[in-house]
Amino acid sequence: MTAERLRFFFESGSVGSVLWPEDPESPYGCPAGLELLPLGAGLRAELTELSQWYQTSIDWDYPPDPSPWGQEEKDRFNARARAALDAVRRELGPGWAVVDRFRPVR
């Protein structure tokens, strides 16, 4: 049996989306609908919050500019994102492969 494969990353302008199936025909949608995945409500809320928070790391007046966040906020976000990835892997279990495509906010 082949594991369902998801990629974990944050996308500018894509609020609520952090898990992206590698298979475009995935029954979970692309991006994956968090409510369709076997994740607890607390983790779904954490992923949604992180996705919303990530959007504030972008200077929307000129997105190529550096993040408006200070180093402390970058460090907090990056740590919570890593912890969320670990939690996703734990909750989904061995029938799933969650590929880390997360790029820390710098």
C-alpha atoms as a PDB file:
ATOM      1  CA  MET A   1       0.000   0.000   0.000  1.00  0.00           C
ATOM      2  CA  THR A   2       1.307   3.434  -0.956  1.00  0.00           C
ATOM      3  CA  ALA A   3       1.169   6.141   1.662  1.00  0.00           C
ATOM      4  CA  GLU A   4      -0.787   9.305   0.951  1.00  0.00           C
ATOM      5  CA  ARG A   5       1.823  12.018   0.383  1.00  0.00           C
ATOM      6  CA  LEU A   6       1.382  15.598   1.521  1.00  0.00           C
ATOM      7  CA  ARG A   7       3.766  18.541   1.368  1.00  0.00           C
ATOM      8  CA  PHE A   8       3.919  20.936   4.342  1.00  0.00           C
ATOM      9  CA  PHE A   9       4.574  24.595   3.554  1.00  0.00           C
ATOM     10  CA  PHE A  10       3.099  28.082   3.783  1.00  0.00           C
ATOM     11  CA  GLU A  11       2.062  29.960   0.659  1.00  0.00           C
ATOM     12  CA  SER A  12       1.647  33.718   0.429  1.00  0.00           C
ATOM     13  CA  GLY A  13      -1.982  34.633  -0.117  1.00  0.00           C
ATOM     14  CA  SER A  14      -3.242  31.153   0.721  1.00  0.00           C
ATOM     15  CA  VAL A  15      -4.840  31.410   4.156  1.00  0.00           C
ATOM     16  CA  GLY A  16      -5.666  28.115   5.844  1.00  0.00           C
ATOM     17  CA  SER A  17      -3.580  26.023   3.462  1.00  0.00           C
ATOM     18  CA  VAL A  18      -0.453  24.336   4.746  1.00  0.00           C
ATOM     19  CA  LEU A  19      -0.828  20.755   3.477  1.00  0.00           C
ATOM     20  CA  TRP A  20      -0.658  20.135  -0.248  1.00  0.00           C
ATOM     21  CA  PRO A  21      -1.181  16.645  -1.744  1.00  0.00           C
ATOM     22  CA  GLU A  22       1.430  15.517  -4.254  1.00  0.00           C
ATOM     23  CA  ASP A  23      -1.318  13.760  -6.198  1.00  0.00           C
ATOM     24  CA  PRO A  24      -3.482  16.366  -7.984  1.00  0.00           C
ATOM     25  CA  GLU A  25      -6.330  13.823  -7.940  1.00  0.00           C
ATOM     26  CA  SER A  26      -6.221  13.488  -4.153  1.00  0.00           C
ATOM     27  CA  PRO A  27      -9.644  13.117  -2.530  1.00  0.00           C
ATOM     28  CA  TYR A  28      -8.478  15.674   0.054  1.00  0.00           C
ATOM     29  CA  GLY A  29      -8.302  18.537  -2.449  1.00  0.00           C
ATOM     30  CA  CYS A  30      -5.404  20.748  -3.406  1.00  0.00           C
ATOM     31  CA  PRO A  31      -4.590  22.328  -1.090  1.00  0.00           C
ATOM     32  CA  ALA A  32      -5.812  19.696   1.310  1.00  0.00           C
ATOM     33  CA  GLY A  33      -8.967  20.616   3.158  1.00  0.00           C
ATOM     34  CA  LEU A  34      -7.967  20.347   6.804  1.00  0.00           C
ATOM     35  CA  GLU A  35     -11.494  19.263   7.747  1.00  0.00           C
ATOM     36  CA  LEU A  36     -11.111  16.251   5.421  1.00  0.00           C
ATOM     37  CA  LEU A  37      -7.922  14.977   7.020  1.00  0.00           C
ATOM     38  CA  PRO A  38      -7.859  12.771  10.127  1.00  0.00           C
ATOM     39  CA  LEU A  39      -6.528  15.545  12.350  1.00  0.00           C
ATOM     40  CA  GLY A  40      -7.851  16.674  15.707  1.00  0.00           C
ATOM     41  CA  ALA A  41      -9.733  19.956  15.988  1.00  0.00           C
ATOM     42  CA  GLY A  42      -6.933  21.518  18.040  1.00  0.00           C
ATOM     43  CA  LEU A  43      -4.296  20.799  15.409  1.00  0.00           C
ATOM     44  CA  ARG A  44      -6.555  22.010  12.591  1.00  0.00           C
ATOM     45  CA  ALA A  45      -7.039  25.277  14.519  1.00  0.00           C
ATOM     46  CA  GLU A  46      -3.264  25.579  15.074  1.00  0.00           C
ATOM     47  CA  LEU A  47      -2.540  25.073  11.361  1.00  0.00           C
ATOM     48  CA  THR A  48      -5.154  27.662  10.389  1.00  0.00           C
ATOM     49  CA  GLU A  49      -3.782  30.147  12.912  1.00  0.00           C
ATOM     50  CA  LEU A  50      -0.223  29.602  11.681  1.00  0.00           C
ATOM     51  CA  SER A  51      -1.332  30.115   8.091  1.00  0.00           C
ATOM     52  CA  GLN A  52      -3.039  33.382   9.003  1.00  0.00           C
ATOM     53  CA  TRP A  53      -0.036  34.497  11.057  1.00  0.00           C
ATOM     54  CA  TYR A  54       2.314  33.682   8.160  1.00  0.00           C
ATOM     55  CA  GLN A  55       0.465  36.165   5.948  1.00  0.00           C
ATOM     56  CA  THR A  56       1.525  38.959   8.314  1.00  0.00           C
ATOM     57  CA  SER A  57       5.191  38.078   7.676  1.00  0.00           C
ATOM     58  CA  ILE A  58       4.871  39.570   4.194  1.00  0.00           C
ATOM     59  CA  ASP A  59       5.192  43.241   3.305  1.00  0.00           C
ATOM     60  CA  TRP A  60       2.091  43.380   1.120  1.00  0.00           C
ATOM     61  CA  ASP A  61       2.987  46.857  -0.189  1.00  0.00           C
ATOM     62  CA  TYR A  62       6.054  45.323  -1.804  1.00  0.00           C
ATOM     63  CA  PRO A  63       6.304  41.558  -1.140  1.00  0.00           C
ATOM     64  CA  PRO A  64       9.955  41.144  -2.226  1.00  0.00           C
ATOM     65  CA  ASP A  65      10.985  43.388   0.686  1.00  0.00           C
ATOM     66  CA  PRO A  66      12.187  41.719   3.891  1.00  0.00           C
ATOM     67  CA  SER A  67       9.619  40.574   6.407  1.00  0.00           C
ATOM     68  CA  PRO A  68       8.260  43.279   8.706  1.00  0.00           C
ATOM     69  CA  TRP A  69       8.677  40.883  11.639  1.00  0.00           C
ATOM     70  CA  GLY A  70      11.475  41.243  14.153  1.00  0.00           C
ATOM     71  CA  GLN A  71      13.786  38.304  14.866  1.00  0.00           C
ATOM     72  CA  GLU A  72      11.883  37.261  17.989  1.00  0.00           C
ATOM     73  CA  GLU A  73       8.617  36.878  16.074  1.00  0.00           C
ATOM     74  CA  LYS A  74      10.372  34.998  13.259  1.00  0.00           C
ATOM     75  CA  ASP A  75      11.878  32.601  15.802  1.00  0.00           C
ATOM     76  CA  ARG A  76       8.504  32.061  17.536  1.00  0.00           C
ATOM     77  CA  PHE A  77       6.721  31.411  14.244  1.00  0.00           C
ATOM     78  CA  ASN A  78       9.399  29.066  12.921  1.00  0.00           C
ATOM     79  CA  ALA A  79       9.394  27.053  16.167  1.00  0.00           C
ATOM     80  CA  ARG A  80       5.593  26.732  16.176  1.00  0.00           C
ATOM     81  CA  ALA A  81       5.580  25.736  12.502  1.00  0.00           C
ATOM     82  CA  ARG A  82       8.148  22.975  13.178  1.00  0.00           C
ATOM     83  CA  ALA A  83       6.134  21.761  16.175  1.00  0.00           C
ATOM     84  CA  ALA A  84       2.973  21.737  14.036  1.00  0.00           C
ATOM     85  CA  LEU A  85       4.707  19.640  11.371  1.00  0.00           C
ATOM     86  CA  ASP A  86       5.747  17.129  14.038  1.00  0.00           C
ATOM     87  CA  ALA A  87       2.163  17.037  15.354  1.00  0.00           C
ATOM     88  CA  VAL A  88       0.745  16.488  11.856  1.00  0.00           C
ATOM     89  CA  ARG A  89       3.085  13.541  11.323  1.00  0.00           C
ATOM     90  CA  ARG A  90       2.138  12.051  14.709  1.00  0.00           C
ATOM     91  CA  GLU A  91      -1.607  12.450  14.201  1.00  0.00           C
ATOM     92  CA  LEU A  92      -1.657  11.166  10.619  1.00  0.00           C
ATOM     93  CA  GLY A  93       0.538   8.201  11.489  1.00  0.00           C
ATOM     94  CA  PRO A  94       2.500   5.753   9.357  1.00  0.00           C
ATOM     95  CA  GLY A  95      -0.016   5.571   6.488  1.00  0.00           C
ATOM     96  CA  TRP A  96       0.929   9.096   5.512  1.00  0.00           C
ATOM     97  CA  ALA A  97       4.128  10.709   4.268  1.00  0.00           C
ATOM     98  CA  VAL A  98       4.386  14.406   5.115  1.00  0.00           C
ATOM     99  CA  VAL A  99       7.227  15.992   3.169  1.00  0.00           C
ATOM    100  CA  ASP A 100       8.840  19.020   4.811  1.00  0.00           C
ATOM    101  CA  ARG A 101       8.865  21.901   2.315  1.00  0.00           C
ATOM    102  CA  PHE A 102       8.732  24.573   5.019  1.00  0.00           C
ATOM    103  CA  ARG A 103      11.071  27.514   4.502  1.00  0.00           C
ATOM    104  CA  PRO A 104      11.624  29.381   7.779  1.00  0.00           C
ATOM    105  CA  VAL A 105      10.813  33.066   7.807  1.00  0.00           C
ATOM    106  CA  ARG A 106      14.127  34.957   7.741  1.00  0.00           C
END
